Amino acid sequence: MRYYALLASVFAFLVALGVLLGAEGIPLAYPIIGLGLVAAGGAAVYAVLPVSTASRYQQRALAHLRRHPELALQDLTRALELDADNRSLLVDRARAYRLLGRHHDAAADLQAYLRHTRGEPPDRVQQARTLLERVEAGGGLRLWEV
């Protein structure tokens, strides 16, 4: 939303400047007003982009995953409540469970993900299979696997 606010303020500034210059008879007024309208169009496009709340929770969770896996787990659980059809959330939540040492919960999420993999990216499916093998083998967590 901060980009929308920025674009809206640029629009307001440019239109106000254009009106002031137009009132003084300066010929640059119309291009400045045009730039303001372009900024307004950008703000409108950004405002209607389909960014779901669940994906915002997922992005925040991935940012917290290494240092604060408990916060990541909360965000991923909330994202799954909002968007139960987003199966990649299960893999991310399994990673958080694994970091917390909750291997049984991690395995349950990975198994749920792997039951329905049609349409999922092949590399994501392979990542889930590899992670499930490691979780079922008892962990062996390496930092670069997070």
Protein backbone atom coordinates (compact mmCIF):
# COMPACT_ATOMS: atom_id res chain seq x y z
CA MET A 1 0.00 0.00 0.00
CA ARG A 2 2.90 2.38 0.52
CA TYR A 3 3.57 2.44 -3.26
CA TYR A 4 -0.04 3.33 -3.89
CA ALA A 5 0.23 6.21 -1.42
CA LEU A 6 3.48 7.37 -3.04
CA LEU A 7 1.99 7.34 -6.54
CA ALA A 8 -1.15 9.11 -5.34
CA SER A 9 0.91 11.86 -3.69
CA VAL A 10 3.04 12.28 -6.84
CA PHE A 11 -0.19 12.60 -8.82
CA ALA A 12 -1.54 15.27 -6.47
CA PHE A 13 1.73 17.22 -6.53
CA LEU A 14 2.09 17.15 -10.32
CA VAL A 15 -1.51 18.14 -10.97
CA ALA A 16 -1.29 20.98 -8.45
CA LEU A 17 1.98 22.17 -10.00
CA GLY A 18 0.49 21.94 -13.48
CA VAL A 19 -2.57 23.95 -12.48
CA LEU A 20 -0.38 26.63 -10.89
CA LEU A 21 1.85 26.83 -13.96
CA GLY A 22 -1.19 26.85 -16.24
CA ALA A 23 -2.66 29.75 -14.31
CA GLU A 24 0.57 31.69 -14.91
CA GLY A 25 0.44 30.87 -18.63
CA ILE A 26 3.59 28.74 -18.63
CA PRO A 27 3.51 26.19 -21.51
CA LEU A 28 4.97 23.34 -19.42
CA ALA A 29 1.74 23.03 -17.46
CA TYR A 30 0.11 20.47 -19.74
CA PRO A 31 2.99 17.97 -19.83
CA ILE A 32 3.23 18.19 -16.03
CA ILE A 33 -0.49 17.52 -15.69
CA GLY A 34 -0.01 14.58 -18.09
CA LEU A 35 2.72 13.15 -15.87
CA GLY A 36 0.37 13.49 -12.91
CA LEU A 37 -2.29 11.53 -14.77
CA VAL A 38 0.25 8.81 -15.61
CA ALA A 39 1.15 8.59 -11.91
CA ALA A 40 -2.54 8.31 -11.07
CA GLY A 41 -2.90 5.49 -13.60
CA GLY A 42 0.05 3.67 -12.03
CA ALA A 43 -1.51 4.06 -8.60
CA ALA A 44 -4.80 2.65 -9.86
CA VAL A 45 -3.11 -0.35 -11.47
CA TYR A 46 -1.14 -1.06 -8.31
CA ALA A 47 -4.27 -0.78 -6.20
CA VAL A 48 -6.12 -3.47 -8.18
CA LEU A 49 -3.25 -5.96 -8.54
CA PRO A 50 -4.34 -9.37 -7.25
CA VAL A 51 -2.13 -9.75 -4.18
CA SER A 52 -3.87 -11.87 -1.64
CA THR A 53 -3.56 -11.52 2.09
CA ALA A 54 -2.42 -15.14 2.25
CA SER A 55 0.54 -14.43 -0.05
CA ARG A 56 1.53 -11.49 2.15
CA TYR A 57 1.51 -13.77 5.18
CA GLN A 58 3.63 -16.25 3.22
CA GLN A 59 6.17 -13.60 2.23
CA ARG A 60 6.46 -12.41 5.82
CA ALA A 61 6.82 -16.00 7.04
CA LEU A 62 9.65 -16.72 4.62
CA ALA A 63 11.44 -13.60 5.86
CA HIS A 64 11.15 -14.88 9.47
CA LEU A 65 11.90 -18.53 8.77
CA ARG A 66 15.59 -18.71 9.71
CA ARG A 67 15.64 -16.49 12.78
CA HIS A 68 12.10 -16.78 14.12
CA PRO A 69 10.56 -20.05 12.93
CA GLU A 70 7.74 -19.77 15.50
CA LEU A 71 6.60 -16.49 13.90
CA ALA A 72 6.90 -18.06 10.46
CA LEU A 73 4.76 -20.97 11.65
CA GLN A 74 2.04 -18.60 12.87
CA ASP A 75 2.03 -16.69 9.58
CA LEU A 76 1.95 -19.85 7.47
CA THR A 77 -0.88 -21.32 9.51
CA ARG A 78 -2.84 -18.08 9.07
CA ALA A 79 -2.10 -18.09 5.33
CA LEU A 80 -3.42 -21.67 5.08
CA GLU A 81 -6.60 -20.61 6.88
CA LEU A 82 -7.08 -17.86 4.30
CA ASP A 83 -6.08 -19.88 1.23
CA ALA A 84 -6.42 -23.63 1.78
CA ASP A 85 -5.94 -24.26 -1.95
CA ASN A 86 -2.37 -22.91 -1.96
CA ARG A 87 -0.54 -26.20 -1.49
CA SER A 88 2.94 -24.65 -1.46
CA LEU A 89 2.11 -23.25 1.96
CA LEU A 90 2.21 -26.81 3.30
CA VAL A 91 5.84 -27.24 2.22
CA ASP A 92 6.83 -23.92 3.74
CA ARG A 93 5.04 -24.75 6.99
CA ALA A 94 6.78 -28.15 7.06
CA ARG A 95 10.11 -26.33 6.87
CA ALA A 96 9.10 -24.22 9.88
CA TYR A 97 7.96 -27.32 11.79
CA ARG A 98 11.28 -28.99 11.02
CA LEU A 99 13.23 -26.03 12.36
CA LEU A 100 11.22 -26.22 15.56
CA GLY A 101 11.93 -29.95 15.88
CA ARG A 102 8.30 -30.92 15.28
CA HIS A 103 9.13 -33.66 12.78
CA HIS A 104 5.76 -35.42 13.03
CA ASP A 105 3.89 -32.23 12.06
CA ALA A 106 6.37 -31.54 9.27
CA ALA A 107 5.89 -35.05 7.87
CA ALA A 108 2.09 -34.69 8.03
CA ASP A 109 2.19 -31.44 6.01
CA LEU A 110 4.58 -32.89 3.44
CA GLN A 111 2.47 -36.03 3.04
CA ALA A 112 -0.64 -33.89 2.57
CA TYR A 113 1.19 -31.90 -0.09
CA LEU A 114 2.48 -34.98 -1.90
CA ARG A 115 -0.97 -36.61 -2.05
CA HIS A 116 -2.07 -34.04 -4.64
CA THR A 117 0.82 -32.80 -6.76
CA ARG A 118 -0.93 -32.36 -10.10
CA GLY A 119 -0.09 -28.94 -11.50
CA GLU A 120 2.66 -28.29 -8.98
CA PRO A 121 6.14 -27.32 -10.22
CA PRO A 122 8.34 -30.44 -10.49
CA ASP A 123 11.19 -28.87 -8.52
CA ARG A 124 8.80 -28.06 -5.65
CA VAL A 125 7.54 -31.65 -5.63
CA GLN A 126 11.09 -33.00 -5.57
CA GLN A 127 11.99 -30.59 -2.78
CA ALA A 128 9.01 -31.86 -0.76
CA ARG A 129 9.98 -35.49 -1.34
CA THR A 130 13.58 -34.88 -0.28
CA LEU A 131 12.47 -32.95 2.78
CA LEU A 132 10.04 -35.72 3.73
CA GLU A 133 12.80 -38.34 3.47
CA ARG A 134 15.04 -36.28 5.76
CA VAL A 135 12.25 -35.60 8.24
CA GLU A 136 11.27 -39.26 8.39
CA ALA A 137 14.93 -40.20 8.84
CA GLY A 138 15.05 -38.06 11.96
CA GLY A 139 16.12 -34.63 10.86
CA GLY A 140 19.74 -33.87 10.11
CA LEU A 141 18.93 -30.21 9.58
CA ARG A 142 21.52 -28.20 7.73
CA LEU A 143 21.25 -24.42 7.63
CA TRP A 144 21.40 -24.20 3.82
CA GLU A 145 18.38 -26.51 3.56
CA VAL A 146 16.13 -24.05 5.35
